[in-house]
Structure formats: C-alpha cells, structure tokens
Protein backbone atom coordinates (compact mmCIF):
# COMPACT_ATOMS: atom_id res chain seq x y z
CA MET A 1 93.62 239.54 244.21
CA SER A 2 94.60 236.68 242.29
CA PHE A 3 92.74 234.33 240.28
CA SER A 4 93.21 230.57 239.51
CA ALA A 5 92.87 229.09 235.96
CA ASN A 6 89.88 227.08 237.05
CA ALA A 7 88.04 230.26 238.37
CA TRP A 8 88.69 232.11 235.24
CA ARG A 9 87.21 229.55 233.22
CA SER A 10 84.08 229.35 235.38
CA LEU A 11 83.68 233.02 234.93
CA VAL A 12 83.83 232.66 230.94
CA ALA A 13 80.42 232.12 229.48
CA PRO A 14 79.77 228.88 227.81
CA CYS A 15 78.89 230.58 224.45
CA CYS A 16 82.25 232.37 224.31
CA ARG A 17 84.13 229.01 225.08
CA GLN A 18 83.96 228.04 221.37
CA TRP A 19 85.81 230.91 220.38
CA THR A 20 88.46 230.80 222.45
CA ARG A 21 89.07 226.93 221.62
CA THR A 22 92.02 226.26 219.05
CA PRO A 23 90.36 224.27 216.05
CA LEU A 24 91.87 220.55 216.47
CA VAL A 25 90.62 219.73 212.78
CA PRO A 26 91.55 222.08 209.98
CA LEU A 27 88.59 223.75 207.97
CA ARG A 28 89.51 222.41 204.91
CA THR A 29 87.96 218.99 205.43
CA PHE A 30 84.54 220.54 205.58
CA ALA A 31 84.89 221.81 201.86
CA THR A 32 85.48 218.44 200.47
CA PRO A 33 82.04 216.99 200.71
CA SER A 34 80.59 219.81 198.45
CA LYS A 35 83.51 219.03 195.81
CA ARG A 36 82.45 215.63 195.71
CA MET A 37 78.87 216.56 195.47
CA ASN A 38 79.49 218.35 192.50
CA GLU A 39 81.56 215.96 190.97
CA ALA A 40 78.73 213.39 191.28
CA ARG A 41 76.54 216.04 189.68
CA GLU A 42 78.76 216.58 186.93
CA ARG A 43 78.94 212.86 186.22
CA ILE A 44 75.24 212.47 186.29
CA GLN A 45 74.85 215.39 183.58
CA LYS A 46 77.49 213.81 181.40
CA ASP A 47 75.46 210.27 181.87
CA GLU A 48 72.27 211.96 181.16
CA PRO A 49 72.28 211.95 177.11
CA ILE A 50 72.97 208.29 177.35
CA LEU A 51 69.58 207.52 179.09
CA THR A 52 67.73 210.19 176.80
CA GLU A 53 68.90 208.31 173.89
CA LEU A 54 67.72 205.05 175.29
CA ASN A 55 64.49 206.48 176.32
CA GLU A 56 64.08 208.06 172.71
CA ASN A 57 64.83 204.56 171.15
CA ALA A 58 62.54 203.00 173.27
CA PHE A 59 59.61 205.51 171.92
CA SER A 60 60.96 205.53 168.28
CA THR A 61 58.94 204.01 165.31
CA PRO A 62 60.45 201.00 163.28
CA GLU A 63 61.19 203.56 160.58
CA ASN A 64 63.30 205.81 162.68
CA LEU A 65 64.99 202.73 163.78
CA SER A 66 65.93 201.68 160.14
CA GLN A 67 67.03 205.32 159.48
CA SER A 68 69.38 204.98 162.47
CA SER A 69 70.78 201.91 161.55
CA GLU A 70 71.49 202.71 157.88
CA SER A 71 73.16 205.82 159.44
CA SER A 72 75.37 203.56 161.59
CA ILE A 73 76.32 201.47 158.86
CA SER A 74 77.15 203.96 156.70
CA LYS A 75 79.61 205.42 159.59
CA GLU A 76 81.00 201.92 159.68
CA GLU A 77 81.62 201.98 156.13
CA ILE A 78 83.83 204.86 155.96
CA PRO A 79 87.40 203.51 155.65
CA SER A 80 89.68 204.60 158.91
CA THR A 81 92.87 206.09 158.71
CA THR A 82 94.94 203.08 159.59
CA THR A 83 98.59 203.11 159.28
CA VAL A 84 99.67 200.55 156.88
CA PRO A 85 102.90 198.54 158.14
CA HIS A 86 106.06 199.56 156.42
CA ILE A 87 107.35 196.42 154.54
CA PRO A 88 111.13 196.43 153.39
CA TRP A 89 112.14 196.14 149.67
CA TYR A 90 113.54 192.61 149.92
CA LEU A 91 109.98 191.53 151.11
CA GLN A 92 107.98 193.27 148.52
CA PRO A 93 106.66 191.03 145.51
CA SER A 94 108.87 191.32 142.38
CA GLN A 95 106.55 193.44 139.48
CA SER A 96 107.82 192.48 136.03
CA THR A 97 106.18 195.66 134.45
CA ILE A 98 109.32 196.54 132.82
CA SER A 99 109.52 197.27 129.15
CA PRO A 100 112.08 196.17 126.55
CA LYS A 101 113.64 199.61 126.35
CA GLU A 102 113.67 199.95 130.19
CA GLU A 103 115.51 196.86 130.44
CA SER A 104 118.30 197.87 127.73
CA ALA A 105 118.84 200.95 129.78
CA ASP A 106 119.14 199.06 132.83
CA ALA A 107 121.66 196.79 131.12
CA GLN A 108 123.51 199.72 130.25
CA PHE A 109 123.92 201.20 133.72
CA HIS A 110 124.55 197.46 134.96
CA PRO A 111 127.59 196.03 133.19
CA LEU A 112 127.30 192.71 134.91
CA GLN A 113 124.19 192.13 133.66
CA ALA A 114 125.14 192.97 130.10
CA ARG A 115 128.44 190.70 130.37
CA GLN A 116 125.95 187.51 131.62
CA LYS A 117 123.40 188.00 128.52
CA LEU A 118 122.94 185.24 126.16
CA PRO A 119 123.25 185.50 122.71
CA ASP A 120 120.60 185.29 120.09
CA LEU A 121 119.79 181.88 118.50
CA PRO A 122 120.37 181.80 114.68
CA SER A 123 117.86 180.58 112.33
CA HIS A 124 117.60 176.73 112.20
CA PRO A 125 119.57 175.99 115.19
CA PRO A 126 120.29 172.61 116.61
CA ALA A 127 118.41 171.12 119.50
CA ILE A 128 121.67 171.08 121.84
CA LEU A 129 122.47 174.90 121.25
CA LYS A 130 120.22 176.54 123.65
CA PRO A 131 121.04 174.46 126.89
CA LEU A 132 124.52 174.40 125.63
CA LEU A 133 124.47 178.11 125.88
CA GLU A 134 122.79 177.94 129.54
CA GLN A 135 125.33 175.53 130.54
CA VAL A 136 128.34 177.71 129.63
CA SER A 137 126.79 180.88 130.99
CA VAL A 138 125.05 179.69 134.11
CA SER A 139 126.89 176.61 135.27
CA LEU A 140 130.16 177.43 134.28
CA GLY A 141 130.02 181.32 134.63
CA MET A 142 131.34 182.39 131.57
CA ASP A 143 130.81 186.09 130.46
CA ASP A 144 130.67 187.82 127.19
CA LEU A 145 129.28 185.30 125.12
CA THR A 146 129.34 185.42 121.31
CA LEU A 147 127.84 183.37 118.78
CA LEU A 148 129.10 183.21 115.10
CA ASP A 149 127.23 181.45 112.36
CA LEU A 150 129.79 180.25 109.94
CA ARG A 151 127.41 177.78 108.11
CA THR A 152 127.24 179.92 105.08
CA LEU A 153 131.05 180.05 104.47
CA ASP A 154 132.14 178.30 101.09
CA PRO A 155 135.06 176.83 101.13
CA PRO A 156 133.85 175.81 104.77
CA PRO A 157 136.56 176.72 107.54
CA ALA A 158 139.14 173.83 108.73
CA LEU A 159 137.15 172.83 111.78
CA GLY A 160 134.48 171.49 109.61
CA ALA A 161 131.44 172.51 107.26
CA ASN A 162 128.15 173.82 108.68
CA LEU A 163 129.98 175.22 112.03
CA LEU A 164 128.76 177.30 115.04
CA MET A 165 131.38 178.91 116.85
CA LEU A 166 130.71 179.99 120.52
CA ILE A 167 133.34 182.36 122.21
CA GLY A 168 133.20 182.87 126.22
CA THR A 169 135.72 184.95 128.73
CA ALA A 170 137.08 182.77 131.59
CA ARG A 171 137.96 184.95 135.14
CA SER A 172 141.30 183.27 135.32
CA GLU A 173 143.40 180.25 134.01
CA LYS A 174 142.30 178.04 136.75
CA HIS A 175 138.50 178.93 136.00
CA LEU A 176 139.36 178.42 132.17
CA HIS A 177 140.53 174.68 133.00
CA VAL A 178 138.02 173.88 135.34
CA SER A 179 135.22 175.25 132.94
CA ALA A 180 136.49 173.19 130.02
CA ASP A 181 136.99 170.07 132.22
CA ARG A 182 133.22 170.34 133.29
CA LEU A 183 131.96 171.29 130.00
CA CYS A 184 133.49 167.81 128.51
CA ARG A 185 132.25 165.97 131.07
CA TRP A 186 128.73 167.35 130.89
CA LEU A 187 128.66 166.66 127.10
CA ARG A 188 129.79 162.86 127.77
CA SER A 189 127.46 162.08 130.44
CA ASN A 190 124.34 163.88 129.16
CA TYR A 191 124.62 163.69 125.24
CA ASP A 192 126.92 160.68 124.88
CA LEU A 193 129.29 162.97 122.48
CA THR A 194 133.29 162.67 122.55
CA PRO A 195 134.38 166.24 122.93
CA PHE A 196 137.88 167.15 122.53
CA ALA A 197 139.53 169.96 124.29
CA ASP A 198 142.81 171.61 122.73
CA GLY A 199 144.94 173.24 125.39
CA LEU A 200 143.41 171.57 128.45
CA LEU A 201 145.44 170.17 130.95
CA GLY A 202 144.42 167.20 132.83
CA ARG A 203 144.65 166.81 136.45
CA ASN A 204 147.66 164.46 136.58
CA GLU A 205 149.25 166.31 133.89
CA LEU A 206 149.00 169.42 135.61
CA LYS A 207 150.38 167.64 138.92
CA LEU A 208 153.31 166.36 137.13
CA LYS A 209 154.23 169.85 135.44
CA MET A 210 153.84 171.53 138.77
CA ARG A 211 156.23 169.05 140.38
CA ARG A 212 158.86 169.46 137.45
CA LYS A 213 158.43 173.37 137.78
CA ALA A 214 158.95 173.21 141.76
CA LYS A 215 162.13 170.78 141.03
CA ARG A 216 163.52 173.06 138.50
CA SER A 217 163.15 176.37 141.03
CA ARG A 218 164.95 174.72 143.78
CA LEU A 219 167.69 173.47 141.65
CA LEU A 220 168.22 177.18 140.43
CA SER A 221 168.17 178.59 143.98
CA SER A 222 170.66 176.16 145.40
CA VAL A 223 172.90 177.08 142.12
CA GLY A 224 172.33 180.88 143.07
CA SER A 225 170.93 181.62 139.65
CA LYS A 226 168.85 184.99 139.58
CA THR A 227 168.95 185.34 135.86
CA THR A 228 165.90 183.20 134.85
CA ALA A 229 162.84 184.40 136.36
CA ASP A 230 159.52 182.11 136.69
CA SER A 231 157.80 184.22 134.15
CA ALA A 232 160.64 183.79 131.60
CA ILE A 233 160.50 180.02 131.51
CA ASP A 234 157.80 178.43 129.31
CA ASP A 235 156.76 175.44 131.22
CA GLY A 236 153.52 175.00 129.33
CA ILE A 237 151.39 175.20 132.35
CA ARG A 238 150.15 179.04 131.97
CA THR A 239 147.44 178.80 128.80
CA GLY A 240 144.79 181.35 128.44
CA TRP A 241 142.76 179.52 125.28
CA VAL A 242 141.03 176.09 125.30
CA CYS A 243 139.18 175.15 122.25
CA VAL A 244 136.51 172.62 122.91
CA ASN A 245 135.36 170.94 119.89
CA VAL A 246 131.69 169.28 120.73
CA GLY A 247 131.65 167.47 117.53
CA LYS A 248 128.69 166.75 114.92
CA VAL A 249 125.44 167.06 116.32
CA GLU A 250 121.81 166.41 115.00
CA GLY A 251 120.12 169.30 113.28
CA GLY A 252 121.23 172.93 112.41
CA GLU A 253 121.41 172.56 108.65
CA LEU A 254 120.44 175.56 106.49
CA PRO A 255 117.77 175.05 103.77
CA GLU A 256 120.01 176.31 101.27
CA ASN A 257 122.99 174.08 101.79
CA VAL A 258 120.45 171.00 101.74
CA ALA A 259 119.02 172.14 98.29
CA LYS A 260 122.47 172.87 97.01
CA ASP A 261 123.73 169.20 98.28
CA GLN A 262 120.63 167.61 96.70
CA ARG A 263 121.60 169.36 93.19
CA GLN A 264 124.82 167.70 93.61
CA GLU A 265 123.92 164.21 93.97
CA GLY A 266 125.01 162.84 90.81
CA PHE A 267 128.40 164.99 91.02
CA VAL A 268 131.41 162.19 91.37
CA GLY A 269 134.50 163.34 93.66
CA PHE A 270 136.28 163.44 96.74
CA GLY A 271 134.47 163.38 100.31
CA GLY A 272 130.96 163.04 101.29
CA ARG A 273 128.10 165.02 102.11
CA SER A 274 128.20 166.41 105.65
CA GLU A 275 124.64 166.11 107.61
CA GLY A 276 124.05 168.02 110.83
CA CYS A 277 126.27 170.79 112.15
CA ARG A 278 129.76 171.17 114.04
CA ILE A 279 129.89 173.16 117.40
CA VAL A 280 132.97 174.73 118.66
CA VAL A 281 133.34 176.32 121.87
CA GLN A 282 136.33 178.90 122.26
CA MET A 283 137.36 179.84 126.21
CA LEU A 284 139.85 182.25 126.61
CA THR A 285 140.78 184.73 129.31
CA GLU A 286 140.36 188.34 129.07
CA GLU A 287 143.93 189.32 128.22
CA LYS A 288 143.94 186.23 125.62
CA ARG A 289 140.70 187.37 123.85
CA GLY A 290 141.97 191.06 123.63
CA GLU A 291 145.04 189.66 122.02
CA VAL A 292 143.65 186.97 119.41
CA ASP A 293 140.48 188.70 118.80
CA LEU A 294 138.58 185.98 117.31
CA GLU A 295 135.39 188.10 116.81
CA ARG A 296 137.36 190.55 114.36
CA LEU A 297 139.11 188.01 112.41
CA TRP A 298 135.65 185.72 111.70
CA THR A 299 133.34 188.85 111.21
CA GLY A 300 135.65 190.01 108.47
CA ILE A 301 135.82 186.60 106.66
CA LEU A 302 131.89 186.56 106.91
CA LYS A 303 131.68 190.15 105.40
CA ARG A 304 133.84 189.08 102.54
CA ALA A 305 132.30 186.03 101.86
CA GLN A 306 128.81 187.78 101.96
CA LYS A 307 130.55 190.43 99.15
CA GLN A 308 131.60 187.46 97.05
CA THR A 309 128.06 185.75 97.08
CA ASP A 310 126.27 189.21 96.30
CA VAL A 311 128.86 189.67 93.23
CA LYS A 312 128.07 186.05 92.25
CA ALA A 313 124.17 186.59 92.46
CA ASP A 314 124.55 190.11 90.55
CA LEU A 315 126.26 188.31 87.79
CA ILE A 316 124.13 185.37 87.50
CA ASP A 317 121.36 188.01 87.29
CA GLY A 318 123.08 189.96 84.58
CA GLN A 319 123.65 186.66 82.45
CA GLU A 320 120.07 185.74 82.84
CA GLN A 321 119.05 189.41 81.68
CA VAL A 322 121.42 188.88 78.71
CA LEU A 323 120.00 185.44 77.85
CA ASP A 324 116.31 186.94 78.12
CA GLU A 325 117.06 189.79 75.62
CA LYS A 326 118.62 187.26 73.38
CA ALA A 327 115.81 185.08 73.23
CA GLU A 328 113.49 188.19 72.77
CA ILE A 329 115.79 189.30 69.67
CA GLU A 330 115.34 185.77 68.19
CA HIS A 331 111.78 185.67 68.88
CA GLU A 332 111.12 188.63 67.08
CA ALA A 333 113.58 188.28 64.04
CA ASN A 334 111.72 184.81 63.62
CA ALA A 335 108.24 186.51 63.72
CA VAL A 336 109.69 189.19 61.00
CA GLN A 337 110.45 186.25 58.71
CA ARG A 338 107.32 184.50 58.76
C-alpha cells in the first residue's frame, strides 16, 4: 500500500510540521538585536556622568562654581608638553656672548680669520689710517697685514720722516697689480692725494710687454731654439712687489717730535720742518715677502734705535746726577767758608 506525498503531509500533525521544515533564515539574525540593545545601554551608561555633572552644577552654589572655575583655570595654566619645531643653525639668531679668550682660541683654530685680522692702531694715528686699513683688507683682499711705526727713527728712513709702513700679502701677481691700481684710484678719488706706485705695470704697458713676449716666443719657435725657456728670460712682467707711496697726510705727529721741533726753531741749517706723517703700503706676494722679510729688517732697526735712545737717556741721567753732586759739593764748601 503506497501513499502519496500529499497523503503523508495530511497525516503529519500541524504541530510537528515546524520541526520538519528547514530553516530558511539563519538563526544569527535573531541575536543581533540583543547586541544592539547592549551597545545602546553601554552608551547610555557612558553618557550618564555628563548628565550627572550637569545636574550637580545646576544645583551647586556660587562658591562651588568659583572653586570649580579656579580649578579649571589652574588646569589650563599648566604648560602642555608641546613639541618645539626644529630650527636649523643657519636660521638661528647669532649670539655675541663670546669672551676675548674664546675669540683668540677660535682664531688659532681658524687660520683664515687670523690672516684677515686688522692690526692695532698706533698711538696718535692719522685720520686716514683706519679707513685705509679697512680698504686694503676688506675691499682689496690683502692678508697678513702688519703695521710698522717708524716715526721714532732718528735719522729718519729714506722714504721720509714720521713714516708709517703697512705690509700686506697678495694671492697672486695679477691680484697684486689689480689691488695696487685700485688703491691708487681710491686715494685719488676720495682723498685728493697723488700716490706713486713703484713696480706697478699700467694696463697699456702690460699689453705692450705681453705682445713683445709673444712675438719673441714665435721667433724662437721658428728658429727651433730650445735653449732659452720662458722662465729664463727676464721680460719685466713678473714682479712680486709693489710699493705704493701714499705721500704726506694730515695728523699722526708724535708729541715728542713736536716738542723737539719747537726747541730747534732758532736753528739755522738745511731742510725744513715736516708736518704730518707719511704712509707707505708694501704689497708683496707670499714668496717675495718671505724672500725680502721686511718685518725682520725694520724691527731690527727699531730695536737698535731703541737701544741707542736708552743709552743716551742713561748718559743724560748720569750727567745730570754728576752736575747735581758738584752743585751740592760747591754749596757745602761755600757754607763752610762762611
């Protein structure tokens, strides 16, 4: 006896049909509303302190409000640990808090700074001396400047009495000639002086000598001569020493020389009294400066002159003491006779 599918369905009780049916919707969806309710409850619980604080502030007294405001202000006054932006070294402001000892130490470690240092001014300098030093060092780029005070020499040097000598080093022969030419032009235009530069080649003269040198080298090459090199021929172009004689300038006289000239006003002889002082700028290349060594020459002359003046002063003091002793003896003898 066979039953159809519809018959079997009719025989099954309706209460049991729900267990035999396959679930069309997964059971997970029924658990999500509970989670959402839990999340909502958690949010409400988290938000409850804000509501409670508002309710407490609503029923608080003015004193409590002032205390709470003070506490909030004190919290705001506490500095926050904010990160300071990094500033590179080339944008940081320079701080001139270096002592002279540290500057001298830095000069020892930086040879360029020591080479470009200006020499100290002597006593009673002329007005033109300081701008001249700045012009020679900064504008012309001379290094290792040395200032020699030859005003105390007696007899005076051949360049003139009351002489100040400035010595500087040029980087090359071209730099030497260009610097000497610019210095002469600067003195003429700014101070109306007539400087004279020994050893300076003018622009036209240099072109003429270079043309002659090129012509001579072409002739030698055409003949095939190899015995004479360019360095062996003295063409007068290569020079490592230029002496710029600035001339006589106002000021710069020593008080001792002025008093000496005033004592000798009644003296009759050759020459005349020189007013003011003279300035000479010696420009040399590094090789020529080491070869000539003007500093050693003139410092030796100054030391010998200082020794002679010291000896003369000692002799004068000794003579004065002898004269004083003689005067005392004569005075005592006259007192005994009386």
